[in-house]
Protein backbone atom coordinates (compact mmCIF):
# COMPACT_ATOMS: atom_id res chain seq x y z
CA ALA A 1 80.73 133.84 95.83
CA LEU A 2 79.48 131.22 98.23
CA THR A 3 82.56 129.91 99.47
CA GLN A 4 84.86 133.45 99.67
CA ILE A 5 87.67 131.90 98.10
CA ALA A 6 89.04 132.04 94.84
CA ASN A 7 86.88 130.86 91.48
CA ARG A 8 87.53 128.56 88.77
CA ARG A 9 88.99 131.16 86.28
CA ALA A 10 91.26 132.98 89.20
CA PHE A 11 92.52 128.99 89.30
CA ASP A 12 93.41 128.98 85.87
CA GLU A 13 94.98 132.60 85.69
CA PHE A 14 97.17 131.79 89.02
CA LEU A 15 98.12 128.09 87.94
CA ASP A 16 99.01 129.47 84.40
CA LYS A 17 101.64 131.92 86.26
CA ALA A 18 102.71 129.63 88.70
CA TRP A 19 103.74 127.17 85.56
CA THR A 20 105.27 129.80 83.07
CA ALA A 21 107.07 131.08 86.35
CA ARG A 22 108.49 127.80 88.27
CA ASN A 23 112.03 127.95 86.83
CA GLN A 24 113.07 124.65 87.89
CA THR A 25 111.56 124.93 91.37
CA PRO A 26 108.65 122.36 92.10
CA LEU A 27 104.84 123.41 91.60
CA THR A 28 102.13 121.05 93.26
CA LEU A 29 98.78 121.32 92.73
CA ILE A 30 96.22 119.24 95.36
CA LEU A 31 92.83 118.55 94.40
CA CYS A 32 90.56 117.81 96.78
CA ASP A 33 86.75 116.20 96.55
CA ILE A 34 84.29 116.11 99.26
CA ASP A 35 83.57 112.56 100.05
CA TYR A 36 79.57 111.43 98.88
CA PHE A 37 78.79 115.26 98.99
CA LYS A 38 75.71 114.29 96.41
CA LEU A 39 74.58 112.05 99.15
CA TYR A 40 74.97 114.04 101.87
CA ASN A 41 73.30 117.10 99.77
CA ASP A 42 70.37 114.55 99.05
CA ASN A 43 70.09 113.81 102.91
CA TYR A 44 70.47 116.77 104.92
CA GLY A 45 69.06 119.55 102.06
CA HIS A 46 70.83 121.81 99.36
CA GLN A 47 71.01 124.98 101.97
CA ALA A 48 73.33 122.44 104.28
CA GLY A 49 74.93 121.45 101.40
CA ASP A 50 75.75 125.49 100.81
CA ALA A 51 76.67 125.91 104.66
CA CYS A 52 79.30 122.62 104.27
CA LEU A 53 80.85 124.06 101.08
CA GLN A 54 81.54 127.37 102.99
CA GLN A 55 83.12 125.37 105.93
CA VAL A 56 85.23 123.34 103.89
CA ALA A 57 86.45 126.18 101.82
CA GLN A 58 87.30 127.67 105.40
CA ALA A 59 88.96 124.58 106.55
CA LEU A 60 91.11 124.65 103.49
CA GLN A 61 92.07 128.39 104.03
CA LYS A 62 93.01 127.44 107.21
CA ALA A 63 95.17 124.42 106.56
CA VAL A 64 97.18 126.38 103.69
CA LYS A 65 98.79 128.60 105.71
CA ARG A 66 101.44 130.06 102.94
CA GLN A 67 101.05 133.46 101.19
CA PRO A 68 101.75 132.58 97.73
CA ASP A 69 99.52 129.60 97.86
CA LEU A 70 95.88 128.88 96.25
CA VAL A 71 92.81 127.94 97.91
CA ALA A 72 90.40 127.57 95.17
CA ARG A 73 86.67 125.87 94.30
CA TYR A 74 87.52 123.80 91.18
CA GLY A 75 83.91 123.02 90.56
CA GLY A 76 80.95 121.41 92.66
CA GLU A 77 81.95 119.81 95.70
CA GLU A 78 85.80 120.04 94.26
CA PHE A 79 88.43 122.41 95.36
CA ALA A 80 91.70 123.11 94.37
CA VAL A 81 95.30 123.83 96.11
CA VAL A 82 98.02 125.61 94.00
CA LEU A 83 101.39 125.35 96.21
CA PRO A 84 104.06 127.24 94.07
CA ASN A 85 108.23 125.88 95.41
CA THR A 86 106.45 123.26 97.23
CA THR A 87 108.09 119.60 97.01
CA LEU A 88 105.63 116.19 97.02
CA VAL A 89 106.73 115.72 101.08
CA GLY A 90 105.56 119.70 101.65
CA ALA A 91 102.44 118.54 99.81
CA GLN A 92 101.58 115.52 102.16
CA TYR A 93 102.06 117.73 104.73
CA VAL A 94 99.88 119.69 103.36
CA ALA A 95 97.25 117.48 102.61
CA ARG A 96 97.30 115.87 106.39
CA ALA A 97 96.82 119.08 107.52
CA ILE A 98 93.70 119.70 105.28
CA GLN A 99 92.31 116.24 106.25
CA THR A 100 92.82 117.29 109.59
CA ALA A 101 91.12 120.28 109.51
CA VAL A 102 87.89 119.36 107.80
CA ARG A 103 87.64 116.29 110.13
CA GLU A 104 87.92 118.54 113.30
CA LEU A 105 84.78 120.32 111.68
CA GLU A 106 82.91 117.54 112.29
CA ILE A 107 79.90 117.66 110.08
CA GLU A 108 77.81 115.05 110.55
CA HIS A 109 77.68 112.46 107.33
CA CYS A 110 75.52 109.98 108.06
CA LEU A 111 75.02 108.35 105.47
CA SER A 112 78.71 108.07 104.33
CA THR A 113 80.47 104.56 104.29
CA VAL A 114 83.58 105.83 105.56
CA SER A 115 83.16 107.92 108.24
CA ASN A 116 79.93 109.37 110.66
CA TYR A 117 81.64 112.74 109.81
CA LEU A 118 82.24 114.48 106.60
CA THR A 119 85.58 113.10 105.02
CA VAL A 120 87.66 114.70 101.33
CA SER A 121 89.69 112.80 99.34
CA LEU A 122 92.83 114.63 97.95
CA GLY A 123 94.59 113.82 94.33
CA ILE A 124 98.35 115.25 94.59
CA ALA A 125 100.54 116.20 91.59
CA THR A 126 104.19 117.74 91.31
CA VAL A 127 106.09 118.84 88.42
CA THR A 128 109.97 120.06 88.63
CA LEU A 129 111.83 119.52 85.58
CA THR A 130 110.47 121.72 82.92
CA VAL A 131 108.40 119.87 80.58
CA ASN A 132 106.70 121.07 77.48
CA ASP A 133 103.45 120.23 78.25
CA SER A 134 101.10 122.94 79.77
CA TYR A 135 99.61 123.07 83.46
CA GLN A 136 96.88 120.96 82.06
CA ALA A 137 99.39 117.84 82.83
CA LEU A 138 99.78 118.48 86.32
CA ILE A 139 96.14 119.13 86.61
CA ALA A 140 95.79 115.43 85.39
CA ALA A 141 97.93 113.96 86.97
CA ALA A 142 96.14 114.93 90.27
CA ASP A 143 93.49 114.38 88.85
CA GLN A 144 94.35 110.25 88.31
CA GLY A 145 95.72 110.81 92.29
CA LEU A 146 92.16 112.09 92.87
CA TYR A 147 90.49 108.65 91.41
CA GLN A 148 93.22 106.30 92.66
CA ALA A 149 92.43 107.93 96.49
CA LYS A 150 88.37 107.17 96.01
CA SER A 151 89.63 103.78 94.94
CA ASP A 152 91.50 103.43 97.86
CA GLY A 153 88.33 103.82 99.92
CA ARG A 154 87.96 107.41 100.19
CA ALA A 155 89.47 110.06 103.15
CA CYS A 156 93.11 109.67 101.91
CA PHE A 157 95.27 110.99 99.82
CA ALA A 158 97.00 109.65 96.36
CA ILE A 159 99.68 110.64 94.48
CA GLY A 160 99.36 111.47 90.65
CA TYR A 161 101.89 111.19 88.10
CA LEU A 162 103.20 113.25 85.29
CA ASP A 163 103.51 110.99 82.07
CA LYS A 164 106.72 111.03 80.75
CA SER A 165 106.36 109.99 77.18
């Protein structure tokens, strides 16, 4: 209700259906985390934190333009974007659009070490071939990319890869 986008349950249901229906077409997941959100919340207060989450959710909706795509709140300050029939190259385009949309909000974040304004880190994972894994493998790969982006200094995106073993 806070962010006016899909919640975690809707995300899980959508991703499960997209995973089952993909039929050799690419399926991409982007996990998006607000950089240093705890510091933001602690410094500006929880009401400002809620407003920040609302603005970021709307920026993501603006950046993700196609009808079959889903933007959802994944948890806390983390969002998920499911992109059916989207290649890795297409996902990188969407990731850049997300970063631009959030940057254009110009939400002041004086405690961030990467910018004076709020930024996001993103992890991207794409699956094309049918594998026996569940969609949980796609989430794990996107999460790996997100951790890499944070390790690389935040305010960027990184690609996580599905384990082939």
